[in-house]
Amino acid sequence: KKVKGALRVGLVAADPLRVLGLQTIFPDGGSVEIVP
């Protein structure tokens, strides 16, 4: 239920470290989900 209610934030980035960094800040199961 928590995952389904999470805010999905799309990320447009070419640097994989940028993607990883944001996914680390917002891990799976939280209130924000980073979607590459």
PDB file of all heavy atoms in Angstrom:
ATOM      1  N   LYS A   1       0.828  -1.198   0.000  1.00  0.00           N
ATOM      2  CA  LYS A   1       0.000   0.000   0.000  1.00  0.00           C
ATOM      3  C   LYS A   1       0.865   1.252   0.000  1.00  0.00           C
ATOM      4  O   LYS A   1       0.587   2.229  -0.685  1.00  0.00           O
ATOM      5  CB  LYS A   1      -0.919  -0.001   1.227  1.00  0.00           C
ATOM      6  CG  LYS A   1      -1.905   1.156   1.245  1.00  0.00           C
ATOM      7  CD  LYS A   1      -2.827   1.040   2.448  1.00  0.00           C
ATOM      8  CE  LYS A   1      -3.828   2.186   2.467  1.00  0.00           C
ATOM      9  NZ  LYS A   1      -4.718   2.094   3.635  1.00  0.00           N
ATOM     10  N   LYS A   2       1.944   1.210   0.777  1.00  0.00           N
ATOM     11  CA  LYS A   2       2.851   2.347   0.847  1.00  0.00           C
ATOM     12  C   LYS A   2       3.508   2.612  -0.492  1.00  0.00           C
ATOM     13  O   LYS A   2       3.612   3.731  -0.951  1.00  0.00           O
ATOM     14  CB  LYS A   2       3.917   2.092   1.925  1.00  0.00           C
ATOM     15  CG  LYS A   2       4.823   3.304   2.184  1.00  0.00           C
ATOM     16  CD  LYS A   2       5.763   3.009   3.321  1.00  0.00           C
ATOM     17  CE  LYS A   2       6.633   4.224   3.608  1.00  0.00           C
ATOM     18  NZ  LYS A   2       7.593   3.986   4.700  1.00  0.00           N
ATOM     19  N   VAL A   3       3.964   1.550  -1.160  1.00  0.00           N
ATOM     20  CA  VAL A   3       4.615   1.699  -2.451  1.00  0.00           C
ATOM     21  C   VAL A   3       3.641   2.246  -3.475  1.00  0.00           C
ATOM     22  O   VAL A   3       3.960   3.135  -4.263  1.00  0.00           O
ATOM     23  CB  VAL A   3       5.198   0.347  -2.920  1.00  0.00           C
ATOM     24  CG1 VAL A   3       5.715   0.464  -4.339  1.00  0.00           C
ATOM     25  CG2 VAL A   3       6.314  -0.109  -1.973  1.00  0.00           C
ATOM     26  N   LYS A   4       2.404   1.709  -3.458  1.00  0.00           N
ATOM     27  CA  LYS A   4       1.415   2.162  -4.424  1.00  0.00           C
ATOM     28  C   LYS A   4       1.083   3.634  -4.238  1.00  0.00           C
ATOM     29  O   LYS A   4       0.767   4.334  -5.177  1.00  0.00           O
ATOM     30  CB  LYS A   4       0.137   1.315  -4.289  1.00  0.00           C
ATOM     31  CG  LYS A   4       0.278  -0.104  -4.819  1.00  0.00           C
ATOM     32  CD  LYS A   4      -1.005  -0.904  -4.612  1.00  0.00           C
ATOM     33  CE  LYS A   4      -0.839  -2.339  -5.100  1.00  0.00           C
ATOM     34  NZ  LYS A   4      -2.066  -3.130  -4.856  1.00  0.00           N
ATOM     35  N   GLY A   5       1.190   4.125  -2.996  1.00  0.00           N
ATOM     36  CA  GLY A   5       0.870   5.520  -2.726  1.00  0.00           C
ATOM     37  C   GLY A   5       2.068   6.442  -2.856  1.00  0.00           C
ATOM     38  O   GLY A   5       1.958   7.631  -2.595  1.00  0.00           O
ATOM     39  N   ALA A   6       3.229   5.910  -3.247  1.00  0.00           N
ATOM     40  CA  ALA A   6       4.439   6.715  -3.340  1.00  0.00           C
ATOM     41  C   ALA A   6       4.361   7.702  -4.498  1.00  0.00           C
ATOM     42  O   ALA A   6       3.729   7.448  -5.519  1.00  0.00           O
ATOM     43  CB  ALA A   6       5.660   5.804  -3.513  1.00  0.00           C
ATOM     44  N   LEU A   7       5.009   8.840  -4.313  1.00  0.00           N
ATOM     45  CA  LEU A   7       5.146   9.818  -5.392  1.00  0.00           C
ATOM     46  C   LEU A   7       6.202   9.306  -6.363  1.00  0.00           C
ATOM     47  O   LEU A   7       7.346   9.075  -5.968  1.00  0.00           O
ATOM     48  CB  LEU A   7       5.577  11.168  -4.813  1.00  0.00           C
ATOM     49  CG  LEU A   7       6.023  12.219  -5.838  1.00  0.00           C
ATOM     50  CD1 LEU A   7       4.857  12.630  -6.730  1.00  0.00           C
ATOM     51  CD2 LEU A   7       6.618  13.439  -5.129  1.00  0.00           C
ATOM     52  N   ARG A   8       5.821   9.123  -7.609  1.00  0.00           N
ATOM     53  CA  ARG A   8       6.766   8.634  -8.618  1.00  0.00           C
ATOM     54  C   ARG A   8       7.413   9.829  -9.324  1.00  0.00           C
ATOM     55  O   ARG A   8       6.729  10.627  -9.961  1.00  0.00           O
ATOM     56  CB  ARG A   8       6.046   7.731  -9.623  1.00  0.00           C
ATOM     57  CG  ARG A   8       5.585   6.413  -9.002  1.00  0.00           C
ATOM     58  CD  ARG A   8       4.704   5.611  -9.939  1.00  0.00           C
ATOM     59  NE  ARG A   8       5.386   5.178 -11.146  1.00  0.00           N
ATOM     60  CZ  ARG A   8       6.179   4.113 -11.228  1.00  0.00           C
ATOM     61  NH1 ARG A   8       6.387   3.362 -10.156  1.00  0.00           N
ATOM     62  NH2 ARG A   8       6.756   3.773 -12.367  1.00  0.00           N
ATOM     63  N   VAL A   9       8.733   9.928  -9.167  1.00  0.00           N
ATOM     64  CA  VAL A   9       9.496  11.034  -9.739  1.00  0.00           C
ATOM     65  C   VAL A   9      10.354  10.514 -10.883  1.00  0.00           C
ATOM     66  O   VAL A   9      11.233   9.679 -10.680  1.00  0.00           O
ATOM     67  CB  VAL A   9      10.388  11.698  -8.659  1.00  0.00           C
ATOM     68  CG1 VAL A   9      11.234  12.802  -9.285  1.00  0.00           C
ATOM     69  CG2 VAL A   9       9.535  12.246  -7.526  1.00  0.00           C
ATOM     70  N   GLY A  10      10.084  10.999 -12.078  1.00  0.00           N
ATOM     71  CA  GLY A  10      10.863  10.585 -13.237  1.00  0.00           C
ATOM     72  C   GLY A  10      12.215  11.288 -13.256  1.00  0.00           C
ATOM     73  O   GLY A  10      12.303  12.480 -12.945  1.00  0.00           O
ATOM     74  N   LEU A  11      13.271  10.572 -13.594  1.00  0.00           N
ATOM     75  CA  LEU A  11      14.618  11.149 -13.635  1.00  0.00           C
ATOM     76  C   LEU A  11      15.215  10.988 -15.023  1.00  0.00           C
ATOM     77  O   LEU A  11      15.363   9.863 -15.519  1.00  0.00           O
ATOM     78  CB  LEU A  11      15.515  10.470 -12.596  1.00  0.00           C
ATOM     79  CG  LEU A  11      16.998  10.891 -12.603  1.00  0.00           C
ATOM     80  CD1 LEU A  11      17.132  12.385 -12.314  1.00  0.00           C
ATOM     81  CD2 LEU A  11      17.788  10.073 -11.590  1.00  0.00           C
ATOM     82  N   VAL A  12      15.559  12.104 -15.648  1.00  0.00           N
ATOM     83  CA  VAL A  12      16.232  12.101 -16.946  1.00  0.00           C
ATOM     84  C   VAL A  12      17.689  12.449 -16.686  1.00  0.00           C
ATOM     85  O   VAL A  12      18.032  13.604 -16.408  1.00  0.00           O
ATOM     86  CB  VAL A  12      15.599  13.132 -17.909  1.00  0.00           C
ATOM     87  CG1 VAL A  12      16.325  13.110 -19.244  1.00  0.00           C
ATOM     88  CG2 VAL A  12      14.117  12.855 -18.092  1.00  0.00           C
ATOM     89  N   ALA A  13      18.563  11.449 -16.745  1.00  0.00           N
ATOM     90  CA  ALA A  13      19.978  11.653 -16.445  1.00  0.00           C
ATOM     91  C   ALA A  13      20.809  10.612 -17.182  1.00  0.00           C
ATOM     92  O   ALA A  13      20.422   9.449 -17.266  1.00  0.00           O
ATOM     93  CB  ALA A  13      20.224  11.562 -14.946  1.00  0.00           C
ATOM     94  N   ALA A  14      21.970  11.060 -17.683  1.00  0.00           N
ATOM     95  CA  ALA A  14      22.858  10.147 -18.395  1.00  0.00           C
ATOM     96  C   ALA A  14      23.912   9.541 -17.470  1.00  0.00           C
ATOM     97  O   ALA A  14      24.471   8.487 -17.762  1.00  0.00           O
ATOM     98  CB  ALA A  14      23.560  10.887 -19.545  1.00  0.00           C
ATOM     99  N   ASP A  15      24.156  10.204 -16.358  1.00  0.00           N
ATOM    100  CA  ASP A  15      25.174   9.746 -15.419  1.00  0.00           C
ATOM    101  C   ASP A  15      24.573   8.701 -14.476  1.00  0.00           C
ATOM    102  O   ASP A  15      23.694   9.013 -13.674  1.00  0.00           O
ATOM    103  CB  ASP A  15      25.690  10.936 -14.610  1.00  0.00           C
ATOM    104  CG  ASP A  15      26.825  10.564 -13.659  1.00  0.00           C
ATOM    105  OD1 ASP A  15      27.131   9.354 -13.554  1.00  0.00           O
ATOM    106  OD2 ASP A  15      27.394  11.470 -13.038  1.00  0.00           O
ATOM    107  N   PRO A  16      25.035   7.441 -14.543  1.00  0.00           N
ATOM    108  CA  PRO A  16      24.477   6.397 -13.665  1.00  0.00           C
ATOM    109  C   PRO A  16      24.676   6.696 -12.186  1.00  0.00           C
ATOM    110  O   PRO A  16      23.877   6.268 -11.347  1.00  0.00           O
ATOM    111  CB  PRO A  16      25.233   5.134 -14.094  1.00  0.00           C
ATOM    112  CG  PRO A  16      26.466   5.619 -14.778  1.00  0.00           C
ATOM    113  CD  PRO A  16      26.090   6.903 -15.421  1.00  0.00           C
ATOM    114  N   LEU A  17      25.717   7.460 -11.834  1.00  0.00           N
ATOM    115  CA  LEU A  17      25.938   7.808 -10.430  1.00  0.00           C
ATOM    116  C   LEU A  17      24.867   8.782  -9.929  1.00  0.00           C
ATOM    117  O   LEU A  17      24.497   8.758  -8.754  1.00  0.00           O
ATOM    118  CB  LEU A  17      27.328   8.427 -10.256  1.00  0.00           C
ATOM    119  CG  LEU A  17      28.517   7.475 -10.451  1.00  0.00           C
ATOM    120  CD1 LEU A  17      29.833   8.224 -10.271  1.00  0.00           C
ATOM    121  CD2 LEU A  17      28.436   6.305  -9.467  1.00  0.00           C
ATOM    122  N   ARG A  18      24.380   9.633 -10.841  1.00  0.00           N
ATOM    123  CA  ARG A  18      23.305  10.552 -10.461  1.00  0.00           C
ATOM    124  C   ARG A  18      22.039   9.755 -10.140  1.00  0.00           C
ATOM    125  O   ARG A  18      21.331  10.028  -9.170  1.00  0.00           O
ATOM    126  CB  ARG A  18      23.024  11.522 -11.598  1.00  0.00           C
ATOM    127  CG  ARG A  18      22.060  12.639 -11.247  1.00  0.00           C
ATOM    128  CD  ARG A  18      22.747  13.770 -10.533  1.00  0.00           C
ATOM    129  NE  ARG A  18      23.846  14.281 -11.312  1.00  0.00           N
ATOM    130  CZ  ARG A  18      24.986  14.739 -10.813  1.00  0.00           C
ATOM    131  NH1 ARG A  18      25.154  14.731  -9.501  1.00  0.00           N
ATOM    132  NH2 ARG A  18      25.951  15.191 -11.588  1.00  0.00           N
ATOM    133  N   VAL A  19      21.764   8.763 -10.982  1.00  0.00           N
ATOM    134  CA  VAL A  19      20.592   7.910 -10.769  1.00  0.00           C
ATOM    135  C   VAL A  19      20.742   7.144  -9.457  1.00  0.00           C
ATOM    136  O   VAL A  19      19.826   7.118  -8.624  1.00  0.00           O
ATOM    137  CB  VAL A  19      20.416   6.917 -11.943  1.00  0.00           C
ATOM    138  CG1 VAL A  19      19.231   5.987 -11.675  1.00  0.00           C
ATOM    139  CG2 VAL A  19      20.213   7.673 -13.255  1.00  0.00           C
ATOM    140  N   LEU A  20      21.911   6.547  -9.254  1.00  0.00           N
ATOM    141  CA  LEU A  20      22.158   5.761  -8.050  1.00  0.00           C
ATOM    142  C   LEU A  20      22.064   6.625  -6.798  1.00  0.00           C
ATOM    143  O   LEU A  20      21.497   6.212  -5.774  1.00  0.00           O
ATOM    144  CB  LEU A  20      23.532   5.100  -8.130  1.00  0.00           C
ATOM    145  CG  LEU A  20      23.934   4.218  -6.937  1.00  0.00           C
ATOM    146  CD1 LEU A  20      22.955   3.071  -6.759  1.00  0.00           C
ATOM    147  CD2 LEU A  20      25.359   3.690  -7.123  1.00  0.00           C
ATOM    148  N   GLY A  21      22.612   7.841  -6.877  1.00  0.00           N
ATOM    149  CA  GLY A  21      22.595   8.735  -5.727  1.00  0.00           C
ATOM    150  C   GLY A  21      21.180   9.069  -5.289  1.00  0.00           C
ATOM    151  O   GLY A  21      20.853   9.024  -4.096  1.00  0.00           O
ATOM    152  N   LEU A  22      20.305   9.383  -6.236  1.00  0.00           N
ATOM    153  CA  LEU A  22      18.923   9.715  -5.902  1.00  0.00           C
ATOM    154  C   LEU A  22      18.148   8.491  -5.436  1.00  0.00           C
ATOM    155  O   LEU A  22      17.296   8.579  -4.541  1.00  0.00           O
ATOM    156  CB  LEU A  22      18.234  10.363  -7.103  1.00  0.00           C
ATOM    157  CG  LEU A  22      18.650  11.817  -7.353  1.00  0.00           C
ATOM    158  CD1 LEU A  22      18.198  12.288  -8.727  1.00  0.00           C
ATOM    159  CD2 LEU A  22      18.097  12.739  -6.274  1.00  0.00           C
ATOM    160  N   GLN A  23      18.440   7.343  -6.026  1.00  0.00           N
ATOM    161  CA  GLN A  23      17.769   6.115  -5.579  1.00  0.00           C
ATOM    162  C   GLN A  23      18.220   5.726  -4.182  1.00  0.00           C
ATOM    163  O   GLN A  23      17.465   5.085  -3.447  1.00  0.00           O
ATOM    164  CB  GLN A  23      18.034   4.986  -6.573  1.00  0.00           C
ATOM    165  CG  GLN A  23      17.289   5.153  -7.895  1.00  0.00           C
ATOM    166  CD  GLN A  23      17.573   4.044  -8.876  1.00  0.00           C
ATOM    167  OE1 GLN A  23      18.683   3.486  -8.911  1.00  0.00           O
ATOM    168  NE2 GLN A  23      16.602   3.720  -9.711  1.00  0.00           N
ATOM    169  N   THR A  24      19.428   6.118  -3.794  1.00  0.00           N
ATOM    170  CA  THR A  24      19.910   5.864  -2.440  1.00  0.00           C
ATOM    171  C   THR A  24      19.194   6.772  -1.437  1.00  0.00           C
ATOM    172  O   THR A  24      18.834   6.344  -0.334  1.00  0.00           O
ATOM    173  CB  THR A  24      21.432   6.103  -2.349  1.00  0.00           C
ATOM    174  OG1 THR A  24      22.104   5.213  -3.261  1.00  0.00           O
ATOM    175  CG2 THR A  24      21.945   5.847  -0.937  1.00  0.00           C
ATOM    176  N   ILE A  25      18.969   8.018  -1.833  1.00  0.00           N
ATOM    177  CA  ILE A  25      18.248   8.957  -0.971  1.00  0.00           C
ATOM    178  C   ILE A  25      16.804   8.510  -0.795  1.00  0.00           C
ATOM    179  O   ILE A  25      16.227   8.617   0.292  1.00  0.00           O
ATOM    180  CB  ILE A  25      18.299  10.383  -1.571  1.00  0.00           C
ATOM    181  CG1 ILE A  25      19.728  10.925  -1.519  1.00  0.00           C
ATOM    182  CG2 ILE A  25      17.342  11.323  -0.832  1.00  0.00           C
ATOM    183  CD1 ILE A  25      19.897  12.259  -2.214  1.00  0.00           C
ATOM    184  N   PHE A  26      16.219   7.997  -1.885  1.00  0.00           N
ATOM    185  CA  PHE A  26      14.822   7.559  -1.856  1.00  0.00           C
ATOM    186  C   PHE A  26      14.766   6.056  -2.163  1.00  0.00           C
ATOM    187  O   PHE A  26      14.488   5.654  -3.294  1.00  0.00           O
ATOM    188  CB  PHE A  26      13.991   8.321  -2.889  1.00  0.00           C
ATOM    189  CG  PHE A  26      13.994   9.813  -2.686  1.00  0.00           C
ATOM    190  CD1 PHE A  26      14.750  10.628  -3.513  1.00  0.00           C
ATOM    191  CD2 PHE A  26      13.249  10.387  -1.668  1.00  0.00           C
ATOM    192  CE1 PHE A  26      14.752  12.008  -3.331  1.00  0.00           C
ATOM    193  CE2 PHE A  26      13.240  11.762  -1.482  1.00  0.00           C
ATOM    194  CZ  PHE A  26      13.999  12.571  -2.310  1.00  0.00           C
ATOM    195  N   PRO A  27      15.034   5.196  -1.177  1.00  0.00           N
ATOM    196  CA  PRO A  27      15.054   3.745  -1.406  1.00  0.00           C
ATOM    197  C   PRO A  27      13.652   3.189  -1.657  1.00  0.00           C
ATOM    198  O   PRO A  27      12.634   3.846  -1.377  1.00  0.00           O
ATOM    199  CB  PRO A  27      15.635   3.190  -0.100  1.00  0.00           C
ATOM    200  CG  PRO A  27      15.272   4.207   0.930  1.00  0.00           C
ATOM    201  CD  PRO A  27      15.346   5.533   0.226  1.00  0.00           C
ATOM    202  N   ASP A  28      13.609   1.990  -2.197  1.00  0.00           N
ATOM    203  CA  ASP A  28      12.336   1.321  -2.466  1.00  0.00           C
ATOM    204  C   ASP A  28      11.494   1.232  -1.199  1.00  0.00           C
ATOM    205  O   ASP A  28      12.010   0.972  -0.111  1.00  0.00           O
ATOM    206  CB  ASP A  28      12.577  -0.093  -3.012  1.00  0.00           C
ATOM    207  CG  ASP A  28      13.158  -0.073  -4.426  1.00  0.00           C
ATOM    208  OD1 ASP A  28      13.083   0.988  -5.054  1.00  0.00           O
ATOM    209  OD2 ASP A  28      13.682  -1.109  -4.869  1.00  0.00           O
ATOM    210  N   GLY A  29      10.186   1.406  -1.360  1.00  0.00           N
ATOM    211  CA  GLY A  29       9.277   1.282  -0.242  1.00  0.00           C
ATOM    212  C   GLY A  29       9.014   2.570   0.500  1.00  0.00           C
ATOM    213  O   GLY A  29       8.217   2.601   1.438  1.00  0.00           O
ATOM    214  N   GLY A  30       9.669   3.674   0.081  1.00  0.00           N
ATOM    215  CA  GLY A  30       9.475   4.951   0.749  1.00  0.00           C
ATOM    216  C   GLY A  30       8.341   5.751   0.132  1.00  0.00           C
ATOM    217  O   GLY A  30       7.579   5.252  -0.709  1.00  0.00           O
ATOM    218  N   SER A  31       8.232   7.009   0.544  1.00  0.00           N
ATOM    219  CA  SER A  31       7.149   7.868   0.055  1.00  0.00           C
ATOM    220  C   SER A  31       7.438   8.454  -1.319  1.00  0.00           C
ATOM    221  O   SER A  31       6.552   8.992  -1.969  1.00  0.00           O
ATOM    222  CB  SER A  31       6.910   9.006   1.048  1.00  0.00           C
ATOM    223  OG  SER A  31       8.090   9.793   1.199  1.00  0.00           O
ATOM    224  N   VAL A  32       8.706   8.348  -1.766  1.00  0.00           N
ATOM    225  CA  VAL A  32       9.105   8.835  -3.093  1.00  0.00           C
ATOM    226  C   VAL A  32       9.828   7.716  -3.823  1.00  0.00           C
ATOM    227  O   VAL A  32      10.698   7.052  -3.264  1.00  0.00           O
ATOM    228  CB  VAL A  32      10.034  10.067  -2.991  1.00  0.00           C
ATOM    229  CG1 VAL A  32      10.544  10.475  -4.373  1.00  0.00           C
ATOM    230  CG2 VAL A  32       9.304  11.236  -2.330  1.00  0.00           C
ATOM    231  N   GLU A  33       9.461   7.506  -5.077  1.00  0.00           N
ATOM    232  CA  GLU A  33      10.108   6.478  -5.899  1.00  0.00           C
ATOM    233  C   GLU A  33      10.759   7.141  -7.111  1.00  0.00           C
ATOM    234  O   GLU A  33      10.091   7.868  -7.856  1.00  0.00           O
ATOM    235  CB  GLU A  33       9.086   5.444  -6.364  1.00  0.00           C
ATOM    236  CG  GLU A  33       9.683   4.353  -7.234  1.00  0.00           C
ATOM    237  CD  GLU A  33       8.634   3.382  -7.756  1.00  0.00           C
ATOM    238  OE1 GLU A  33       7.443   3.556  -7.427  1.00  0.00           O
ATOM    239  OE2 GLU A  33       9.009   2.457  -8.511  1.00  0.00           O
ATOM    240  N   ILE A  34      12.055   6.928  -7.286  1.00  0.00           N
ATOM    241  CA  ILE A  34      12.778   7.485  -8.428  1.00  0.00           C
ATOM    242  C   ILE A  34      12.656   6.525  -9.615  1.00  0.00           C
ATOM    243  O   ILE A  34      13.005   5.347  -9.514  1.00  0.00           O
ATOM    244  CB  ILE A  34      14.268   7.716  -8.092  1.00  0.00           C
ATOM    245  CG1 ILE A  34      14.403   8.717  -6.937  1.00  0.00           C
ATOM    246  CG2 ILE A  34      15.019   8.212  -9.319  1.00  0.00           C
ATOM    247  CD1 ILE A  34      13.858  10.101  -7.226  1.00  0.00           C
ATOM    248  N   VAL A  35      12.155   7.039 -10.736  1.00  0.00           N
ATOM    249  CA  VAL A  35      11.931   6.216 -11.927  1.00  0.00           C
ATOM    250  C   VAL A  35      12.819   6.724 -13.065  1.00  0.00           C
ATOM    251  O   VAL A  35      12.543   7.775 -13.651  1.00  0.00           O
ATOM    252  CB  VAL A  35      10.454   6.273 -12.379  1.00  0.00           C
ATOM    253  CG1 VAL A  35      10.218   5.377 -13.581  1.00  0.00           C
ATOM    254  CG2 VAL A  35       9.521   5.908 -11.222  1.00  0.00           C
ATOM    255  N   PRO A  36      13.923   6.028 -13.395  1.00  0.00           N
ATOM    256  CA  PRO A  36      14.777   6.455 -14.504  1.00  0.00           C
ATOM    257  C   PRO A  36      13.995   6.444 -15.820  1.00  0.00           C
ATOM    258  O   PRO A  36      13.274   5.497 -16.117  1.00  0.00           O
ATOM    259  CB  PRO A  36      15.899   5.416 -14.518  1.00  0.00           C
ATOM    260  CG  PRO A  36      15.896   4.838 -13.137  1.00  0.00           C
ATOM    261  CD  PRO A  36      14.451   4.836 -12.719  1.00  0.00           C
TER     262      PRO A  36
END
